[in-house]
Amino acid sequence: RQSVDIFHINWLQNALPLYGMNVSAVMTVLGTDFKLLKIPGMVRLVRAVLKTNRCVLAPNAAWMNQPLQNWFGDIADIRPVNFGIDSRWYGVINEPPADINYWLCVLRVTPEKIGHLFEWGKSVFNTRQQLHLFGPNHDNLSIPDWVNYHGPATADELLSTWYPRCAGFITLSEHSEGKPQVLLETMGAGIPIIASDIPAHREVVSPGVHGYLVDSRAQFIDAMTQLSEPEQRRRFSANCRRSGLEEYGTWSDCVARYRNLYGMLL
């Protein structure tokens, strides 16, 4: 402790041992922290930690700012910080084939993450409109036979094989998200997005600019129809790439954002 100027901690649960230490700390707050804060007494416990240290809470999504201000704004600075995007995603050249639309979904396969995907996708996906699902099946969820399920995938596999030819990215998650990194990477790659209308997705996807936010099967089908038009898709693709560069940049840009917080604490 004596040789440390600043602690940088990910997740509020990992900040609890700082109680009474009288140190400076930047605490990255993620979506799962909001589940932690629902546990009885947890807000009081985190407040006790913040009162005995000089802290900046750095949520990775702006939608978290107000609730964090309500709980902790009187005893800590709240400064949202966007994560960056690995520069490899900006190098994707997206050229979908004319005869098949490949729709990608990359997530942990759980009921909350899948959301309405299997319900709304039934009879929508076929040999010409293919859904390709990637990610570990944590809950041994039953996956319909019309879904092309590949299991976990590496970034290299997605970058080399799937992102260059996909028509769009789909996530209908209802999970408590901060700002899903896979959405930022998808935006950086210039891939249009169809997403459920939840706070984490609203902050990334501007409807009619980067893709569509949907909250019904009819809206979902309409979004797929719109993104099946080549000219429409190219326009969304350019918007996604531009927003990725301007709003999130690379991980070097993210480092600079955190360094500003370090400087403030010092």
Protein backbone atom coordinates (compact mmCIF):
# COMPACT_ATOMS: atom_id res chain seq x y z
CA ARG A 1 0.00 0.00 0.00
CA GLN A 2 2.80 2.45 0.85
CA SER A 3 4.23 2.40 -2.72
CA VAL A 4 0.88 2.66 -4.56
CA ASP A 5 -0.29 6.07 -5.76
CA ILE A 6 -3.60 4.95 -7.25
CA PHE A 7 -5.59 1.73 -7.23
CA HIS A 8 -7.56 0.88 -10.37
CA ILE A 9 -10.27 -1.64 -9.58
CA ASN A 10 -12.74 -3.41 -11.87
CA TRP A 11 -16.13 -4.24 -10.31
CA LEU A 12 -17.32 -2.74 -7.04
CA GLN A 13 -17.11 -6.08 -5.23
CA ASN A 14 -13.32 -5.93 -5.63
CA ALA A 15 -13.28 -2.49 -3.97
CA LEU A 16 -14.70 -3.73 -0.66
CA PRO A 17 -11.25 -4.62 0.80
CA LEU A 18 -10.26 -0.93 0.54
CA TYR A 19 -12.43 -0.09 3.56
CA GLY A 20 -10.52 2.19 5.93
CA MET A 21 -7.33 2.29 3.81
CA ASN A 22 -7.43 6.05 2.98
CA VAL A 23 -6.14 5.63 -0.58
CA SER A 24 -7.01 7.02 -4.02
CA ALA A 25 -8.84 4.71 -6.40
CA VAL A 26 -10.51 4.60 -9.80
CA MET A 27 -13.29 2.02 -9.82
CA THR A 28 -14.62 0.81 -13.15
CA VAL A 29 -18.34 0.05 -12.77
CA LEU A 30 -19.92 -2.54 -15.08
CA GLY A 31 -23.48 -3.67 -15.65
CA THR A 32 -23.18 -6.66 -13.31
CA ASP A 33 -22.42 -4.26 -10.45
CA PHE A 34 -26.08 -3.25 -10.52
CA LYS A 35 -27.04 -6.79 -9.55
CA LEU A 36 -24.54 -6.57 -6.69
CA LEU A 37 -26.08 -3.29 -5.51
CA LYS A 38 -29.52 -4.93 -5.29
CA ILE A 39 -28.29 -7.17 -2.46
CA PRO A 40 -29.67 -5.82 0.84
CA GLY A 41 -27.13 -3.62 2.61
CA MET A 42 -24.69 -3.52 -0.31
CA VAL A 43 -25.17 0.19 -1.12
CA ARG A 44 -24.42 1.04 2.52
CA LEU A 45 -21.32 -1.17 2.44
CA VAL A 46 -19.99 0.45 -0.75
CA ARG A 47 -20.71 3.89 0.73
CA ALA A 48 -18.61 2.94 3.76
CA VAL A 49 -15.71 2.09 1.44
CA LEU A 50 -16.04 5.34 -0.51
CA LYS A 51 -16.17 7.43 2.68
CA THR A 52 -12.78 6.12 3.79
CA ASN A 53 -11.02 6.65 0.44
CA ARG A 54 -10.78 9.25 -2.33
CA CYS A 55 -12.53 7.63 -5.25
CA VAL A 56 -13.73 8.12 -8.82
CA LEU A 57 -16.44 5.78 -10.02
CA ALA A 58 -16.01 5.23 -13.77
CA PRO A 59 -19.00 3.42 -15.29
CA ASN A 60 -18.41 2.22 -18.83
CA ALA A 61 -21.85 3.47 -19.89
CA ALA A 62 -23.45 6.89 -19.41
CA TRP A 63 -26.87 5.42 -18.52
CA MET A 64 -25.36 4.31 -15.18
CA ASN A 65 -24.44 7.86 -14.25
CA GLN A 66 -27.71 8.96 -12.66
CA PRO A 67 -28.30 5.95 -10.38
CA LEU A 68 -24.67 6.09 -9.25
CA GLN A 69 -25.07 9.82 -8.58
CA ASN A 70 -28.15 9.04 -6.48
CA TRP A 71 -26.32 6.44 -4.40
CA PHE A 72 -22.80 7.82 -4.18
CA GLY A 73 -22.58 11.29 -5.78
CA ASP A 74 -22.18 13.04 -2.42
CA ILE A 75 -19.02 11.08 -1.52
CA ALA A 76 -17.37 10.20 -4.87
CA ASP A 77 -16.87 11.66 -8.35
CA ILE A 78 -18.84 9.85 -11.06
CA ARG A 79 -17.08 10.01 -14.45
CA PRO A 80 -18.33 7.70 -17.25
CA VAL A 81 -15.47 6.33 -19.36
CA ASN A 82 -15.98 4.62 -22.72
CA PHE A 83 -13.95 1.51 -23.38
CA GLY A 84 -11.98 1.32 -26.63
CA ILE A 85 -12.07 -1.05 -29.59
CA ASP A 86 -9.20 -3.27 -30.70
CA SER A 87 -7.89 -1.77 -33.94
CA ARG A 88 -8.29 -5.12 -35.76
CA TRP A 89 -12.06 -4.63 -35.88
CA TYR A 90 -11.66 -1.41 -37.85
CA GLY A 91 -9.85 -3.42 -40.54
CA VAL A 92 -12.82 -5.65 -41.38
CA ILE A 93 -13.97 -5.42 -45.00
CA ASN A 94 -17.65 -6.38 -44.99
CA GLU A 95 -18.88 -7.79 -48.32
CA PRO A 96 -21.99 -9.97 -47.74
CA PRO A 97 -22.92 -12.38 -50.55
CA ALA A 98 -25.91 -11.48 -52.71
CA ASP A 99 -27.77 -14.79 -52.35
CA ILE A 100 -27.57 -15.47 -48.56
CA ASN A 101 -27.87 -13.23 -45.52
CA TYR A 102 -25.71 -14.39 -42.61
CA TRP A 103 -26.97 -12.91 -39.31
CA LEU A 104 -24.58 -13.17 -36.35
CA CYS A 105 -25.31 -13.38 -32.65
CA VAL A 106 -22.36 -13.57 -30.24
CA LEU A 107 -23.08 -13.98 -26.51
CA ARG A 108 -23.17 -16.32 -23.54
CA VAL A 109 -26.11 -18.61 -24.23
CA THR A 110 -28.42 -18.04 -21.26
CA PRO A 111 -32.18 -17.37 -21.16
CA GLU A 112 -31.64 -13.67 -20.32
CA LYS A 113 -29.05 -13.20 -23.06
CA ILE A 114 -31.11 -15.01 -25.71
CA GLY A 115 -34.24 -13.04 -24.81
CA HIS A 116 -36.89 -13.37 -27.55
CA LEU A 117 -34.46 -14.54 -30.23
CA PHE A 118 -35.69 -18.13 -30.52
CA GLU A 119 -39.33 -17.08 -30.18
CA TRP A 120 -39.21 -14.30 -32.79
CA GLY A 121 -36.76 -16.07 -35.10
CA LYS A 122 -38.89 -19.17 -35.64
CA SER A 123 -40.03 -19.31 -39.30
CA VAL A 124 -38.03 -16.12 -39.99
CA PHE A 125 -34.66 -17.80 -40.48
CA ASN A 126 -34.10 -20.31 -43.28
CA THR A 127 -31.46 -21.30 -45.84
CA ARG A 128 -31.40 -17.76 -47.30
CA GLN A 129 -31.73 -15.94 -43.97
CA GLN A 130 -29.32 -17.82 -41.72
CA LEU A 131 -28.80 -17.23 -38.01
CA HIS A 132 -25.33 -18.13 -36.75
CA LEU A 133 -25.00 -18.22 -32.97
CA PHE A 134 -21.64 -18.14 -31.18
CA GLY A 135 -20.87 -18.47 -27.48
CA PRO A 136 -20.70 -20.94 -24.61
CA ASN A 137 -23.98 -22.62 -23.67
CA HIS A 138 -23.65 -21.99 -19.92
CA ASP A 139 -27.12 -23.20 -19.00
CA ASN A 140 -27.35 -26.12 -21.47
CA LEU A 141 -30.19 -24.25 -23.14
CA SER A 142 -32.12 -26.15 -25.80
CA ILE A 143 -31.19 -24.60 -29.17
CA PRO A 144 -33.66 -24.94 -32.08
CA ASP A 145 -32.45 -26.96 -35.05
CA TRP A 146 -32.89 -23.97 -37.40
CA VAL A 147 -30.12 -22.14 -35.51
CA ASN A 148 -26.56 -22.66 -36.77
CA TYR A 149 -24.89 -23.01 -33.38
CA HIS A 150 -21.07 -22.97 -33.39
CA GLY A 151 -20.21 -22.91 -29.69
CA PRO A 152 -17.52 -20.54 -28.38
CA ALA A 153 -15.58 -18.61 -31.03
CA THR A 154 -12.30 -16.74 -30.93
CA ALA A 155 -11.98 -13.14 -32.08
CA ASP A 156 -9.67 -14.35 -34.86
CA GLU A 157 -12.36 -16.70 -36.17
CA LEU A 158 -15.02 -14.00 -36.14
CA LEU A 159 -12.71 -11.48 -37.77
CA SER A 160 -11.46 -13.76 -40.54
CA THR A 161 -14.56 -15.79 -41.39
CA TRP A 162 -17.82 -14.30 -40.16
CA TYR A 163 -17.74 -10.52 -39.85
CA PRO A 164 -16.54 -10.00 -43.46
CA ARG A 165 -19.64 -11.73 -44.88
CA CYS A 166 -22.42 -11.09 -42.36
CA ALA A 167 -25.47 -8.97 -43.19
CA GLY A 168 -25.94 -7.78 -39.63
CA PHE A 169 -25.52 -8.47 -35.94
CA ILE A 170 -28.45 -9.43 -33.70
CA THR A 171 -28.78 -9.22 -29.92
CA LEU A 172 -32.13 -9.44 -28.17
CA SER A 173 -30.59 -9.70 -24.72
CA GLU A 174 -32.62 -8.79 -21.64
CA HIS A 175 -29.58 -9.19 -19.38
CA SER A 176 -28.38 -6.42 -17.06
CA GLU A 177 -25.71 -4.96 -19.35
CA GLY A 178 -23.37 -2.02 -18.98
CA LYS A 179 -22.24 -1.43 -22.55
CA PRO A 180 -21.55 -4.78 -24.27
CA GLN A 181 -18.04 -4.83 -25.71
CA VAL A 182 -19.17 -7.07 -28.57
CA LEU A 183 -21.47 -4.26 -29.75
CA LEU A 184 -18.60 -1.79 -29.81
CA GLU A 185 -16.46 -4.23 -31.80
CA THR A 186 -19.35 -4.87 -34.18
CA MET A 187 -19.76 -1.13 -34.68
CA GLY A 188 -16.03 -0.72 -35.30
CA ALA A 189 -16.23 -3.46 -37.94
CA GLY A 190 -18.99 -1.54 -39.71
CA ILE A 191 -21.71 -4.14 -39.13
CA PRO A 192 -25.32 -2.90 -38.74
CA ILE A 193 -27.03 -3.95 -35.50
CA ILE A 194 -30.51 -5.13 -34.55
CA ALA A 195 -30.86 -4.95 -30.77
CA SER A 196 -33.46 -5.18 -28.04
CA ASP A 197 -34.59 -1.84 -26.67
CA ILE A 198 -32.76 -1.79 -23.31
CA PRO A 199 -30.63 1.04 -21.81
CA ALA A 200 -27.30 -0.64 -22.64
CA HIS A 201 -28.23 -0.94 -26.32
CA ARG A 202 -29.84 2.51 -26.61
CA GLU A 203 -26.53 4.08 -25.72
CA VAL A 204 -24.74 2.34 -28.62
CA VAL A 205 -27.36 1.97 -31.34
CA SER A 206 -29.11 5.03 -32.76
CA PRO A 207 -32.19 3.76 -34.64
CA GLY A 208 -32.02 4.54 -38.33
CA VAL A 209 -28.31 5.35 -38.05
CA HIS A 210 -26.50 2.22 -36.84
CA GLY A 211 -29.38 -0.25 -37.14
CA TYR A 212 -32.61 -0.73 -35.22
CA LEU A 213 -33.89 -1.15 -31.67
CA VAL A 214 -36.82 -3.55 -31.49
CA ASP A 215 -39.34 -4.59 -28.85
CA SER A 216 -41.72 -6.77 -30.88
CA ARG A 217 -41.56 -9.57 -33.43
CA ALA A 218 -43.04 -7.29 -36.11
CA GLN A 219 -40.31 -4.68 -35.52
CA PHE A 220 -37.67 -7.40 -35.58
CA ILE A 221 -38.84 -8.74 -38.95
CA ASP A 222 -39.06 -5.22 -40.38
CA ALA A 223 -35.49 -4.46 -39.21
CA MET A 224 -34.20 -7.60 -40.95
CA THR A 225 -36.06 -6.60 -44.12
CA GLN A 226 -34.54 -3.11 -44.07
CA LEU A 227 -31.00 -4.41 -43.55
CA SER A 228 -31.43 -6.94 -46.35
CA GLU A 229 -31.37 -4.02 -48.82
CA PRO A 230 -27.71 -3.60 -49.98
CA GLU A 231 -27.79 0.21 -50.23
CA GLN A 232 -29.43 0.57 -46.84
CA ARG A 233 -26.92 -1.79 -45.28
CA ARG A 234 -23.96 0.06 -46.77
CA ARG A 235 -25.23 3.34 -45.32
CA PHE A 236 -25.63 1.83 -41.85
CA SER A 237 -22.20 0.19 -42.16
CA ALA A 238 -20.48 3.52 -42.85
CA ASN A 239 -22.30 5.14 -39.93
CA CYS A 240 -21.24 2.34 -37.57
CA ARG A 241 -17.57 2.56 -38.55
CA ARG A 242 -17.56 6.35 -38.22
CA SER A 243 -19.22 6.30 -34.78
CA GLY A 244 -16.86 3.60 -33.56
CA LEU A 245 -13.83 5.70 -34.43
CA GLU A 246 -15.24 9.00 -33.14
CA GLU A 247 -16.93 7.86 -29.92
CA TYR A 248 -14.76 4.94 -28.76
CA GLY A 249 -11.51 4.93 -30.73
CA THR A 250 -8.94 2.32 -29.74
CA TRP A 251 -7.78 0.98 -26.38
CA SER A 252 -5.01 3.61 -26.50
CA ASP A 253 -7.73 6.26 -26.49
CA CYS A 254 -9.34 4.50 -23.53
CA VAL A 255 -6.01 4.52 -21.68
CA ALA A 256 -5.79 8.28 -22.21
CA ARG A 257 -9.27 8.70 -20.72
CA TYR A 258 -8.25 6.78 -17.61
CA ARG A 259 -4.96 8.68 -17.35
CA ASN A 260 -6.98 11.89 -17.10
CA LEU A 261 -8.75 10.43 -14.06
CA TYR A 262 -5.45 9.40 -12.51
CA GLY A 263 -4.16 12.94 -13.00
CA MET A 264 -7.26 14.36 -11.36
CA LEU A 265 -6.77 12.16 -8.29
CA LEU A 266 -3.06 13.00 -8.05
